[in-house]
N, C-alpha and C. Protein backbone atom coordinates (compact mmCIF):
# COMPACT_ATOMS: atom_id res chain seq x y z
N MET A 1 89.45 9.79 -157.62
CA MET A 1 88.20 9.85 -157.08
C MET A 1 87.17 9.13 -158.16
N ALA A 2 86.15 8.97 -156.92
CA ALA A 2 85.64 7.62 -157.09
C ALA A 2 83.55 9.15 -158.11
N ILE A 3 83.11 8.39 -158.96
CA ILE A 3 82.22 8.91 -159.73
C ILE A 3 81.22 9.22 -158.26
N ARG A 4 80.76 10.48 -158.17
CA ARG A 4 79.21 10.30 -156.98
C ARG A 4 78.24 10.44 -157.94
N VAL A 5 77.24 9.60 -158.21
CA VAL A 5 76.35 9.27 -158.14
C VAL A 5 75.12 9.11 -157.34
N LEU A 6 73.54 9.81 -157.29
CA LEU A 6 72.74 10.11 -157.22
C LEU A 6 71.28 9.61 -158.17
N ILE A 7 70.72 8.25 -157.21
CA ILE A 7 69.46 7.88 -158.38
C ILE A 7 67.95 8.04 -157.59
N ALA A 8 67.37 8.25 -158.61
CA ALA A 8 65.99 8.89 -157.93
C ALA A 8 64.48 8.32 -158.92
N ASP A 9 64.20 7.07 -158.47
CA ASP A 9 62.92 6.69 -159.09
C ASP A 9 61.94 6.24 -158.59
N ASP A 10 60.40 6.41 -158.23
CA ASP A 10 60.09 6.27 -157.33
C ASP A 10 59.56 4.87 -157.39
N GLN A 11 59.99 3.97 -157.65
CA GLN A 11 60.19 2.45 -157.47
C GLN A 11 62.11 1.88 -156.28
N GLU A 12 61.70 1.21 -155.84
CA GLU A 12 62.58 1.12 -154.75
C GLU A 12 63.15 -0.50 -155.15
N MET A 13 62.26 -1.07 -156.32
CA MET A 13 63.04 -1.87 -156.84
C MET A 13 64.20 -1.56 -157.54
N VAL A 14 63.44 -0.25 -158.80
CA VAL A 14 64.50 -0.17 -159.92
C VAL A 14 65.79 0.83 -158.90
N ARG A 15 65.53 1.10 -157.97
CA ARG A 15 66.64 2.61 -157.69
C ARG A 15 67.30 1.36 -156.89
N THR A 16 66.86 0.43 -156.76
CA THR A 16 68.61 -1.21 -155.30
C THR A 16 68.87 -1.51 -157.12
N GLY A 17 68.19 -2.46 -157.62
CA GLY A 17 68.93 -2.35 -159.11
C GLY A 17 69.71 -1.94 -159.55
N PHE A 18 69.30 -0.71 -160.02
CA PHE A 18 70.49 0.54 -160.11
C PHE A 18 71.68 0.30 -159.26
N ARG A 19 71.37 0.05 -158.55
CA ARG A 19 72.15 0.87 -156.91
C ARG A 19 73.29 0.04 -156.86
N MET A 20 72.96 -1.34 -157.67
CA MET A 20 73.80 -2.44 -157.19
C MET A 20 74.82 -2.18 -158.30
N ILE A 21 74.21 -2.41 -159.60
CA ILE A 21 74.88 -1.99 -160.79
C ILE A 21 75.74 -0.43 -160.49
N VAL A 22 75.81 0.15 -160.40
CA VAL A 22 76.78 1.62 -160.20
C VAL A 22 77.51 1.04 -158.62
N ASP A 23 77.61 0.44 -158.21
CA ASP A 23 78.36 0.12 -157.06
C ASP A 23 79.26 -1.12 -157.61
N SER A 24 78.35 -1.83 -158.10
CA SER A 24 79.79 -2.60 -158.35
C SER A 24 80.55 -2.20 -158.89
N GLN A 25 80.96 -1.21 -159.67
CA GLN A 25 81.71 -0.39 -160.81
C GLN A 25 83.07 0.32 -159.02
N PRO A 26 84.30 0.17 -159.84
CA PRO A 26 85.08 0.32 -158.80
C PRO A 26 86.13 1.99 -159.23
N ASP A 27 85.24 2.22 -159.66
CA ASP A 27 85.58 3.98 -160.05
C ASP A 27 83.86 4.59 -159.83
N MET A 28 83.39 4.10 -158.83
CA MET A 28 81.51 4.39 -158.94
C MET A 28 81.17 4.92 -157.43
N ASP A 29 80.09 5.53 -157.12
CA ASP A 29 79.67 4.70 -155.77
C ASP A 29 78.44 5.93 -155.79
N VAL A 30 77.40 5.17 -155.03
CA VAL A 30 76.34 6.10 -154.97
C VAL A 30 76.40 6.82 -153.28
N VAL A 31 75.64 8.12 -153.97
CA VAL A 31 75.41 8.75 -152.52
C VAL A 31 74.81 8.37 -152.14
N GLY A 32 73.39 8.94 -152.80
CA GLY A 32 72.25 8.61 -152.06
C GLY A 32 70.75 9.02 -152.95
N GLU A 33 69.41 8.64 -153.01
CA GLU A 33 68.42 7.78 -153.33
C GLU A 33 67.50 8.62 -152.81
N ALA A 34 66.59 9.09 -153.93
CA ALA A 34 65.40 9.68 -154.38
C ALA A 34 64.14 9.29 -155.06
N ALA A 35 62.89 9.05 -153.73
CA ALA A 35 61.68 8.51 -154.72
C ALA A 35 61.51 9.54 -155.60
N ASP A 36 61.25 10.74 -155.55
CA ASP A 36 61.04 11.25 -156.14
C ASP A 36 60.98 13.04 -156.34
N GLY A 37 60.63 13.52 -157.73
CA GLY A 37 61.35 14.44 -157.78
C GLY A 37 62.28 15.45 -157.25
N ALA A 38 60.86 16.15 -156.24
CA ALA A 38 60.92 16.75 -155.40
C ALA A 38 62.35 16.47 -154.31
N GLU A 39 62.57 15.79 -154.01
CA GLU A 39 63.57 15.41 -153.20
C GLU A 39 64.52 15.05 -153.95
N ALA A 40 64.98 14.47 -154.69
CA ALA A 40 66.52 14.70 -155.90
C ALA A 40 66.58 15.94 -155.96
N VAL A 41 65.79 17.12 -156.54
CA VAL A 41 66.41 18.22 -156.45
C VAL A 41 66.47 18.66 -155.31
N ALA A 42 66.30 18.33 -154.38
CA ALA A 42 66.96 18.66 -153.07
C ALA A 42 68.52 18.13 -152.06
N LEU A 43 68.42 16.35 -152.52
CA LEU A 43 69.18 15.72 -152.08
C LEU A 43 70.76 16.16 -152.96
N ALA A 44 70.47 16.61 -154.36
CA ALA A 44 71.38 16.97 -155.67
C ALA A 44 72.16 18.40 -154.66
N ARG A 45 71.14 19.11 -154.43
CA ARG A 45 71.86 20.78 -153.60
C ARG A 45 72.40 20.45 -153.05
N ARG A 46 72.35 19.41 -152.24
CA ARG A 46 72.97 19.51 -150.60
C ARG A 46 74.13 18.41 -150.81
N LEU A 47 74.08 17.06 -151.73
CA LEU A 47 75.33 16.54 -151.98
C LEU A 47 76.07 16.66 -152.76
N ARG A 48 75.95 16.85 -153.57
CA ARG A 48 76.55 17.59 -154.48
C ARG A 48 77.20 16.46 -155.89
N PRO A 49 75.80 16.08 -156.24
CA PRO A 49 76.50 14.33 -156.66
C PRO A 49 77.46 14.88 -157.84
N ASP A 50 78.28 14.17 -158.33
CA ASP A 50 78.28 14.34 -160.33
C ASP A 50 77.86 13.86 -161.00
N VAL A 51 77.18 12.46 -161.47
CA VAL A 51 75.73 12.39 -162.47
C VAL A 51 74.45 11.79 -161.16
N CYS A 52 73.36 12.52 -161.83
CA CYS A 52 72.31 11.94 -161.55
C CYS A 52 71.62 10.99 -162.16
N LEU A 53 70.62 10.38 -162.23
CA LEU A 53 70.22 9.41 -162.15
C LEU A 53 68.83 8.97 -162.38
N PHE A 54 68.17 10.11 -163.48
CA PHE A 54 66.87 11.13 -162.85
C PHE A 54 65.83 9.57 -163.71
N ASP A 55 64.87 8.93 -163.81
CA ASP A 55 63.05 9.12 -163.85
C ASP A 55 62.55 9.87 -164.90
N ILE A 56 61.76 9.46 -165.46
CA ILE A 56 60.54 10.87 -165.28
C ILE A 56 59.23 10.05 -164.52
N ARG A 57 58.55 9.59 -164.62
CA ARG A 57 56.80 10.00 -164.23
C ARG A 57 57.75 9.66 -162.81
N MET A 58 57.69 11.15 -161.96
CA MET A 58 58.10 10.78 -160.26
C MET A 58 57.02 11.38 -159.45
N PRO A 59 56.11 11.31 -159.05
CA PRO A 59 55.78 12.32 -157.49
C PRO A 59 56.36 13.41 -157.41
N ARG A 60 55.02 14.33 -156.94
CA ARG A 60 55.87 15.35 -156.70
C ARG A 60 56.68 16.29 -157.35
N MET A 61 57.05 16.20 -158.39
CA MET A 61 57.18 16.89 -159.03
C MET A 61 58.31 15.45 -160.70
N ASP A 62 58.53 15.66 -161.68
CA ASP A 62 58.95 14.80 -162.84
C ASP A 62 59.95 14.82 -162.87
N GLY A 63 60.87 14.20 -163.40
CA GLY A 63 62.01 14.08 -163.47
C GLY A 63 62.32 15.05 -164.90
N LEU A 64 61.52 16.10 -165.77
CA LEU A 64 61.98 17.05 -166.14
C LEU A 64 62.26 18.11 -165.99
N GLU A 65 60.91 18.27 -164.94
CA GLU A 65 61.13 19.74 -163.81
C GLU A 65 62.39 19.44 -163.41
N ALA A 66 62.53 18.31 -162.70
CA ALA A 66 63.81 18.47 -162.08
C ALA A 66 64.87 18.48 -162.31
N THR A 67 64.78 18.20 -164.18
CA THR A 67 66.79 18.51 -164.79
C THR A 67 66.24 19.97 -164.61
N ARG A 68 65.60 19.80 -165.73
CA ARG A 68 64.99 21.80 -165.40
C ARG A 68 65.17 22.63 -163.70
N ALA A 69 64.59 22.18 -163.08
CA ALA A 69 65.57 22.82 -162.31
C ALA A 69 66.84 23.11 -161.49
N LEU A 70 67.76 21.88 -161.91
CA LEU A 70 68.88 21.67 -161.38
C LEU A 70 70.06 21.89 -162.95
N ALA A 71 69.92 21.78 -163.70
CA ALA A 71 70.68 22.45 -164.99
C ALA A 71 70.31 23.11 -165.97
N GLY A 72 69.36 23.89 -165.61
CA GLY A 72 69.07 24.19 -167.24
C GLY A 72 69.40 25.46 -167.27
N PRO A 73 69.50 26.62 -168.24
CA PRO A 73 69.70 27.79 -169.09
C PRO A 73 70.42 28.03 -167.37
N HIS A 74 69.32 29.26 -166.70
CA HIS A 74 69.51 29.55 -165.59
C HIS A 74 70.92 29.17 -164.04
N ALA A 75 70.45 27.72 -164.33
CA ALA A 75 71.58 26.92 -162.93
C ALA A 75 73.09 27.09 -162.97
N GLN A 76 73.62 27.52 -161.67
CA GLN A 76 75.07 27.67 -161.38
C GLN A 76 75.70 25.92 -161.33
N ASP A 77 76.51 25.92 -161.81
CA ASP A 77 77.32 24.65 -161.66
C ASP A 77 76.38 23.37 -161.59
N PRO A 78 76.07 23.25 -162.75
CA PRO A 78 74.41 21.86 -163.14
C PRO A 78 75.87 20.82 -162.49
N PRO A 79 75.11 20.20 -162.04
CA PRO A 79 75.19 18.92 -162.02
C PRO A 79 74.76 17.84 -164.11
N ARG A 80 75.53 16.75 -164.18
CA ARG A 80 75.66 16.00 -164.85
C ARG A 80 73.91 15.11 -165.31
N ILE A 81 73.27 15.13 -165.87
CA ILE A 81 71.73 14.24 -165.91
C ILE A 81 71.93 13.20 -166.51
N VAL A 82 71.16 12.04 -166.64
CA VAL A 82 71.47 11.25 -166.93
C VAL A 82 69.46 11.10 -166.93
N ILE A 83 68.95 10.71 -167.94
CA ILE A 83 67.53 10.68 -167.56
C ILE A 83 67.31 8.43 -168.51
N VAL A 84 66.92 8.41 -166.47
CA VAL A 84 66.65 6.35 -167.81
C VAL A 84 65.20 6.19 -167.33
N THR A 85 64.72 6.11 -168.33
CA THR A 85 63.27 5.78 -168.54
C THR A 85 62.96 4.82 -168.78
N THR A 86 61.28 4.21 -169.11
CA THR A 86 60.44 3.29 -169.43
C THR A 86 60.21 3.84 -170.94
N PHE A 87 59.75 5.10 -170.78
CA PHE A 87 59.05 5.97 -171.38
C PHE A 87 60.21 6.55 -172.88
N ASP A 88 60.45 6.25 -173.90
CA ASP A 88 60.35 7.79 -174.87
C ASP A 88 59.73 8.22 -176.03
N MET A 89 58.98 8.62 -175.42
CA MET A 89 58.11 9.11 -176.64
C MET A 89 59.00 11.14 -176.62
N ASP A 90 58.87 11.34 -178.17
CA ASP A 90 59.40 12.19 -179.03
C ASP A 90 59.29 13.24 -177.58
N GLU A 91 58.84 13.98 -176.93
CA GLU A 91 58.52 15.17 -176.64
C GLU A 91 59.43 15.15 -174.89
N TYR A 92 59.30 13.69 -174.34
CA TYR A 92 59.60 13.63 -173.78
C TYR A 92 61.63 13.52 -173.39
N VAL A 93 61.71 13.26 -174.85
CA VAL A 93 63.48 12.64 -175.05
C VAL A 93 63.51 14.44 -175.31
N TYR A 94 63.02 14.80 -175.99
CA TYR A 94 63.39 16.19 -176.70
C TYR A 94 63.51 17.14 -175.25
N GLY A 95 62.17 16.91 -174.66
CA GLY A 95 62.61 18.31 -172.99
C GLY A 95 63.63 18.20 -171.96
N ALA A 96 63.75 16.25 -172.10
CA ALA A 96 64.91 15.70 -171.01
C ALA A 96 66.03 17.08 -171.75
N LEU A 97 66.83 16.43 -173.15
CA LEU A 97 67.67 16.74 -173.49
C LEU A 97 68.23 18.16 -173.43
N ARG A 98 67.57 19.18 -174.09
CA ARG A 98 66.75 20.55 -174.27
C ARG A 98 66.53 21.54 -172.49
N GLY A 99 66.06 20.29 -171.40
CA GLY A 99 66.14 20.79 -170.36
C GLY A 99 67.98 20.12 -169.64
N GLY A 100 68.77 20.15 -170.05
CA GLY A 100 70.05 20.78 -169.59
C GLY A 100 70.02 18.88 -169.70
N ALA A 101 70.02 17.99 -169.26
CA ALA A 101 70.19 16.20 -169.52
C ALA A 101 71.45 16.03 -170.62
N VAL A 102 72.20 15.04 -170.32
CA VAL A 102 72.99 15.11 -171.18
C VAL A 102 72.79 13.67 -172.00
N GLY A 103 72.42 12.47 -171.37
CA GLY A 103 71.90 11.30 -171.56
C GLY A 103 70.40 11.35 -171.49
N PHE A 104 70.23 10.59 -172.24
CA PHE A 104 69.16 9.89 -172.70
C PHE A 104 69.41 7.98 -172.23
N LEU A 105 68.48 7.40 -171.80
CA LEU A 105 68.41 5.35 -171.92
C LEU A 105 67.21 4.94 -171.17
N LEU A 106 66.51 3.47 -172.38
CA LEU A 106 65.45 2.68 -171.74
C LEU A 106 66.08 1.74 -171.04
N LYS A 107 65.33 1.85 -169.72
CA LYS A 107 65.40 1.01 -168.34
C LYS A 107 65.45 -0.51 -169.20
N ASP A 108 65.68 -0.78 -170.79
CA ASP A 108 66.11 -2.53 -170.89
C ASP A 108 67.31 -2.27 -171.53
N SER A 109 68.73 -0.88 -171.57
CA SER A 109 68.98 -0.92 -171.97
C SER A 109 69.96 -2.03 -171.53
N GLY A 110 70.38 -2.10 -171.00
CA GLY A 110 71.22 -3.15 -170.24
C GLY A 110 72.24 -2.54 -169.20
N PRO A 111 72.95 -2.84 -167.72
CA PRO A 111 74.09 -2.23 -167.40
C PRO A 111 75.02 -1.71 -167.92
N ALA A 112 75.53 -2.84 -169.25
CA ALA A 112 76.16 -1.99 -169.29
C ALA A 112 76.93 -1.16 -170.15
N LEU A 113 75.18 -0.48 -170.70
CA LEU A 113 75.37 1.44 -171.12
C LEU A 113 74.66 1.93 -170.80
N LEU A 114 74.24 1.55 -169.25
CA LEU A 114 74.05 2.23 -167.88
C LEU A 114 75.83 3.11 -167.11
N VAL A 115 76.01 1.90 -167.06
CA VAL A 115 77.26 2.15 -167.24
C VAL A 115 78.77 3.45 -167.79
N GLU A 116 78.37 3.06 -169.35
CA GLU A 116 78.74 3.54 -170.16
C GLU A 116 78.10 5.25 -170.02
N ALA A 117 76.98 5.67 -170.06
CA ALA A 117 76.40 6.96 -169.70
C ALA A 117 76.46 7.44 -168.30
N VAL A 118 76.93 6.52 -167.16
CA VAL A 118 77.06 7.68 -166.18
C VAL A 118 78.82 7.97 -166.60
N ARG A 119 79.99 7.22 -166.95
CA ARG A 119 81.38 7.39 -167.05
C ARG A 119 81.01 9.11 -168.21
N ALA A 120 80.57 8.37 -169.60
CA ALA A 120 80.08 9.07 -170.11
C ALA A 120 79.88 11.03 -170.01
N ALA A 121 78.88 10.70 -168.70
CA ALA A 121 78.10 12.37 -168.70
C ALA A 121 79.86 13.14 -167.30
N ALA A 122 80.35 11.92 -166.70
CA ALA A 122 81.03 12.24 -166.27
C ALA A 122 82.16 12.44 -166.38
N ASN A 123 82.42 12.71 -167.36
CA ASN A 123 83.91 13.23 -168.63
C ASN A 123 83.41 13.97 -169.07
N GLY A 124 82.27 14.76 -169.35
CA GLY A 124 81.83 15.51 -170.28
C GLY A 124 80.95 15.38 -171.10
N GLY A 125 81.04 14.47 -171.21
CA GLY A 125 80.88 13.80 -172.47
C GLY A 125 79.05 13.44 -172.88
N SER A 126 78.35 12.39 -173.42
CA SER A 126 76.48 12.57 -173.25
C SER A 126 77.12 10.80 -174.15
N LEU A 127 74.99 9.81 -173.50
CA LEU A 127 75.51 9.45 -174.14
C LEU A 127 73.83 9.22 -174.23
N VAL A 128 73.52 8.58 -175.25
CA VAL A 128 71.21 8.86 -176.18
C VAL A 128 71.33 6.91 -176.30
N SER A 129 70.32 6.29 -175.73
CA SER A 129 70.28 4.96 -176.66
C SER A 129 70.06 5.10 -177.29
N PRO A 130 70.87 4.48 -178.79
CA PRO A 130 71.11 3.68 -179.64
C PRO A 130 69.46 2.79 -180.17
N SER A 131 68.31 2.81 -179.69
CA SER A 131 66.91 2.97 -180.49
C SER A 131 66.14 4.14 -180.78
N ILE A 132 66.99 5.29 -180.23
CA ILE A 132 65.51 6.27 -180.53
C ILE A 132 67.09 7.21 -180.74
N THR A 133 67.97 6.82 -180.92
CA THR A 133 69.22 8.15 -181.28
C THR A 133 69.07 8.57 -182.82
N VAL A 134 67.81 7.57 -183.95
CA VAL A 134 67.62 7.93 -185.10
C VAL A 134 66.34 8.81 -185.28
N ARG A 135 65.28 8.06 -184.27
CA ARG A 135 64.35 9.11 -184.48
C ARG A 135 64.45 10.38 -183.67
N LEU A 136 65.23 10.62 -182.31
CA LEU A 136 65.31 12.01 -181.50
C LEU A 136 66.25 12.67 -183.01
N LEU A 137 66.92 12.01 -183.94
CA LEU A 137 67.83 13.33 -184.71
C LEU A 137 66.39 14.06 -185.96
N GLU A 138 65.42 13.03 -186.50
CA GLU A 138 64.85 13.22 -187.19
C GLU A 138 63.82 13.94 -186.83
N HIS A 139 63.56 14.52 -185.23
CA HIS A 139 62.70 15.05 -184.92
C HIS A 139 63.34 16.62 -184.38
N LEU A 140 64.85 16.18 -184.89
CA LEU A 140 65.61 17.70 -184.32
C LEU A 140 65.71 18.27 -185.61
N ALA A 141 65.65 17.29 -186.75
CA ALA A 141 65.97 17.55 -188.05
C ALA A 141 64.42 19.38 -188.60
N ARG A 142 64.01 19.02 -187.98
CA ARG A 142 62.81 19.80 -188.08
C ARG A 142 62.79 21.07 -187.29
N PRO A 143 62.85 22.30 -187.89
CA PRO A 143 63.60 23.54 -187.02
C PRO A 143 62.57 23.82 -186.83
N PRO A 144 63.16 24.57 -185.73
CA PRO A 144 61.38 25.92 -185.18
C PRO A 144 60.83 27.22 -186.18
N ALA A 145 60.20 28.18 -186.34
CA ALA A 145 59.86 28.89 -186.84
C ALA A 145 61.09 30.27 -186.74
N ARG A 146 61.85 29.83 -185.98
CA ARG A 146 62.76 31.09 -185.51
C ARG A 146 64.19 30.69 -184.99
N PRO A 147 64.78 29.87 -185.93
CA PRO A 147 66.41 29.20 -185.13
C PRO A 147 66.78 30.35 -184.49
N VAL A 148 67.52 29.64 -182.77
CA VAL A 148 68.18 31.07 -182.12
C VAL A 148 69.91 31.04 -183.09
N PRO A 149 70.08 32.70 -183.59
CA PRO A 149 71.20 32.35 -184.29
C PRO A 149 71.75 32.65 -183.48
N PRO A 150 73.06 32.61 -183.04
CA PRO A 150 74.60 32.32 -182.14
C PRO A 150 74.33 33.61 -181.93
N ARG A 151 75.63 33.71 -181.48
CA ARG A 151 76.26 34.90 -180.52
C ARG A 151 77.02 35.40 -181.83
N GLU A 152 77.74 34.76 -182.17
CA GLU A 152 79.03 35.10 -183.07
C GLU A 152 78.98 34.27 -184.18
N PRO A 153 79.13 34.47 -185.81
CA PRO A 153 79.55 33.20 -186.89
C PRO A 153 80.10 32.52 -186.72
N LEU A 154 79.60 31.11 -186.67
CA LEU A 154 80.73 30.48 -186.55
C LEU A 154 81.39 30.50 -187.49
N THR A 155 82.88 30.08 -188.05
CA THR A 155 83.86 30.04 -189.04
C THR A 155 83.18 28.29 -189.43
N GLY A 156 84.18 28.35 -190.66
CA GLY A 156 83.67 26.99 -191.24
C GLY A 156 84.31 25.77 -191.24
N ARG A 157 85.67 25.79 -190.05
CA ARG A 157 85.95 24.70 -189.11
C ARG A 157 84.72 23.95 -188.17
N GLU A 158 84.73 25.91 -188.19
CA GLU A 158 83.68 25.44 -186.07
C GLU A 158 82.02 24.25 -187.12
N LEU A 159 81.99 24.51 -187.67
CA LEU A 159 80.64 24.27 -188.65
C LEU A 159 80.83 23.00 -188.86
N ASP A 160 82.57 22.44 -189.47
CA ASP A 160 82.63 21.36 -189.75
C ASP A 160 82.55 20.27 -188.48
N VAL A 161 83.15 20.71 -188.11
CA VAL A 161 83.31 19.69 -186.95
C VAL A 161 81.94 19.96 -185.67
N VAL A 162 81.13 20.64 -186.28
CA VAL A 162 79.25 20.54 -185.70
C VAL A 162 78.72 20.05 -186.42
N ARG A 163 79.36 19.30 -187.77
CA ARG A 163 78.87 18.83 -188.30
C ARG A 163 78.84 16.62 -188.03
N LEU A 164 79.65 16.92 -187.16
CA LEU A 164 80.30 15.40 -188.05
C LEU A 164 79.37 14.78 -185.86
N LEU A 165 80.06 16.58 -184.98
CA LEU A 165 79.65 16.23 -183.69
C LEU A 165 77.90 15.97 -183.98
N ALA A 166 77.57 16.25 -184.43
CA ALA A 166 75.84 16.31 -184.87
C ALA A 166 75.74 14.81 -185.54
N ARG A 167 76.57 14.17 -185.32
CA ARG A 167 76.13 12.85 -186.69
C ARG A 167 77.15 11.70 -185.76
N GLY A 168 77.20 11.86 -184.95
CA GLY A 168 77.98 11.07 -183.03
C GLY A 168 79.13 10.28 -183.43
N ARG A 169 79.84 11.55 -183.84
CA ARG A 169 81.07 11.22 -183.91
C ARG A 169 81.74 11.89 -182.88
N THR A 170 82.87 10.93 -182.19
CA THR A 170 83.66 11.37 -181.01
C THR A 170 84.29 12.33 -181.34
N ASN A 171 85.38 13.02 -180.20
CA ASN A 171 86.43 13.66 -180.60
C ASN A 171 87.36 12.64 -180.98
N GLU A 172 88.39 12.04 -181.27
CA GLU A 172 88.69 11.29 -182.27
C GLU A 172 88.39 11.03 -183.40
N GLU A 173 87.50 10.53 -183.06
CA GLU A 173 86.99 10.25 -185.16
C GLU A 173 86.55 11.68 -185.70
N ILE A 174 86.14 12.94 -184.71
CA ILE A 174 86.30 14.24 -185.71
C ILE A 174 87.64 15.08 -185.65
N ALA A 175 88.48 14.20 -185.01
CA ALA A 175 90.41 14.72 -185.90
C ALA A 175 90.65 14.27 -186.24
N GLY A 176 90.36 13.06 -186.58
CA GLY A 176 90.79 11.99 -187.83
C GLY A 176 90.24 12.46 -188.98
N GLU A 177 88.80 12.72 -188.82
CA GLU A 177 88.15 12.92 -190.12
C GLU A 177 88.83 14.10 -191.05
N LEU A 178 89.36 15.61 -189.49
CA LEU A 178 89.49 16.74 -190.53
C LEU A 178 90.37 16.51 -190.66
N PHE A 179 91.63 15.05 -190.11
CA PHE A 179 93.37 15.63 -190.23
C PHE A 179 93.75 16.47 -189.60
N VAL A 180 93.59 16.44 -187.95
CA VAL A 180 93.56 17.79 -187.57
C VAL A 180 94.04 17.67 -185.73
N SER A 181 94.44 18.20 -184.63
CA SER A 181 95.19 17.27 -183.74
C SER A 181 93.32 17.65 -182.75
N LEU A 182 93.60 16.25 -181.60
CA LEU A 182 92.45 16.38 -180.83
C LEU A 182 92.65 17.54 -180.47
N SER A 183 93.31 18.90 -179.37
CA SER A 183 92.88 19.90 -178.64
C SER A 183 92.50 20.16 -180.36
N THR A 184 93.42 20.52 -181.18
CA THR A 184 92.04 21.55 -182.20
C THR A 184 90.74 21.07 -181.77
N VAL A 185 89.56 19.91 -182.22
CA VAL A 185 88.92 19.74 -181.88
C VAL A 185 88.00 20.48 -180.78
N LYS A 186 88.91 20.47 -179.33
CA LYS A 186 88.54 20.49 -178.30
C LYS A 186 88.50 21.81 -178.15
N THR A 187 89.13 22.92 -179.15
CA THR A 187 89.49 24.33 -178.99
C THR A 187 88.40 24.38 -179.98
N HIS A 188 87.87 23.99 -180.87
CA HIS A 188 86.63 24.50 -181.62
C HIS A 188 85.33 24.41 -180.94
N LEU A 189 85.25 23.25 -180.01
CA LEU A 189 84.37 22.77 -179.25
C LEU A 189 83.92 24.06 -177.95
N GLY A 190 85.02 24.47 -177.92
CA GLY A 190 84.58 25.50 -176.43
C GLY A 190 84.22 26.56 -177.24
N SER A 191 84.86 26.88 -178.15
CA SER A 191 84.76 28.21 -178.67
C SER A 191 82.51 27.75 -179.34
N VAL A 192 82.44 26.89 -180.25
CA VAL A 192 80.56 26.67 -180.44
C VAL A 192 80.28 26.96 -179.11
N SER A 193 80.53 26.28 -178.30
CA SER A 193 79.73 26.56 -177.28
C SER A 193 79.47 28.03 -176.20
N ARG A 194 80.43 28.69 -177.02
CA ARG A 194 80.72 30.06 -175.72
C ARG A 194 78.98 31.10 -177.15
N LYS A 195 79.84 30.73 -178.84
CA LYS A 195 79.09 31.51 -179.89
C LYS A 195 77.57 30.99 -179.87
N LEU A 196 77.20 29.37 -179.52
CA LEU A 196 75.89 28.75 -179.11
C LEU A 196 75.37 29.39 -178.21
N ASP A 197 75.99 29.27 -177.21
CA ASP A 197 75.35 29.12 -174.97
C ASP A 197 74.61 27.91 -174.94
N THR A 198 75.47 27.05 -175.27
CA THR A 198 74.97 25.74 -174.69
C THR A 198 76.11 24.93 -174.00
N ARG A 199 75.82 23.96 -172.52
CA ARG A 199 76.17 22.93 -172.06
C ARG A 199 76.98 22.86 -172.99
N ASN A 200 77.03 21.28 -172.92
CA ASN A 200 77.11 20.35 -174.02
C ASN A 200 76.63 19.79 -174.98
N ARG A 201 77.68 18.62 -175.89
CA ARG A 201 77.49 18.01 -177.03
C ARG A 201 76.63 17.68 -176.92
N VAL A 202 74.92 17.45 -176.40
CA VAL A 202 73.65 17.25 -176.98
C VAL A 202 72.98 18.04 -177.56
N ALA A 203 73.21 19.78 -176.55
CA ALA A 203 72.64 20.77 -177.18
C ALA A 203 73.28 20.86 -178.25
N THR A 204 74.57 21.57 -178.43
CA THR A 204 74.95 21.48 -180.21
C THR A 204 75.03 20.54 -181.37
N ALA A 205 74.81 19.75 -180.42
CA ALA A 205 74.53 19.27 -182.12
C ALA A 205 72.83 19.16 -182.50
N ALA A 206 71.76 19.22 -181.08
CA ALA A 206 70.31 19.25 -181.08
C ALA A 206 70.16 20.75 -182.63
N TRP A 207 71.13 21.59 -181.62
CA TRP A 207 71.38 23.60 -182.74
C TRP A 207 71.91 23.28 -184.09
N ALA A 208 72.57 22.25 -183.71
CA ALA A 208 72.80 21.53 -185.81
C ALA A 208 71.83 21.07 -186.14
N TRP A 209 71.05 20.68 -185.99
CA TRP A 209 69.81 19.67 -186.44
C TRP A 209 68.33 21.24 -186.61
N GLU A 210 68.20 21.59 -185.36
CA GLU A 210 67.10 22.58 -185.57
C GLU A 210 67.30 23.56 -186.39
N SER A 211 68.69 23.60 -186.63
CA SER A 211 68.72 24.97 -187.78
C SER A 211 69.09 25.02 -189.01
N GLY A 212 68.98 24.01 -189.35
CA GLY A 212 68.81 23.60 -190.96
C GLY A 212 70.51 23.01 -191.64
N LEU A 213 71.06 23.28 -191.06
CA LEU A 213 72.92 22.82 -190.58
C LEU A 213 73.26 21.70 -191.62
N MET A 214 71.86 20.03 -190.91
CA MET A 214 72.26 18.90 -191.58
C MET A 214 71.77 18.68 -192.58
N THR A 215 70.50 19.33 -193.19
CA THR A 215 69.32 19.12 -193.95
C THR A 215 71.09 18.75 -195.51
């Protein structure tokens, strides 16, 4: 089955460019376009795309609010949302990822990275533009006054997995560094997500930096 993609951007030329990139892939189809956040939310709920590509600054409802509406903590069966924008200010990056987005790309990242981000999102992964990753991690390294504790304590091996995930390692790389099987890594990540109440790898990595685990 092709990956079904929804594009939301207030600039028609940007939507057209993204559509051309996505539709050029044999395993992807654009199922809808929206010119503002409110329309994007309505279309996403009606069309049920696998992946949404959202701009931040849009009329009526911006991309961050649209993301929270579709993929926030109380959302049921949320789509995988990737923010694609020209704005890489810390509050936007942080707000998008904490609001439920699984990726954050700059519009000048290029077609290859956009396609990679769509595939990563559809497969349950996440991708953040390399140019902002280091700054994002520095931002997350400043823990809040009261870090949210896990529902249950994480085991030592689960903490090892989380540390490597927060360093940007893939599941395969984590398995190799810890000398365990790939299925074991996935089991640990499933347990961690349940204990931390996190929806995706980005949120788990964010918890690791916010809680001071990485310092």
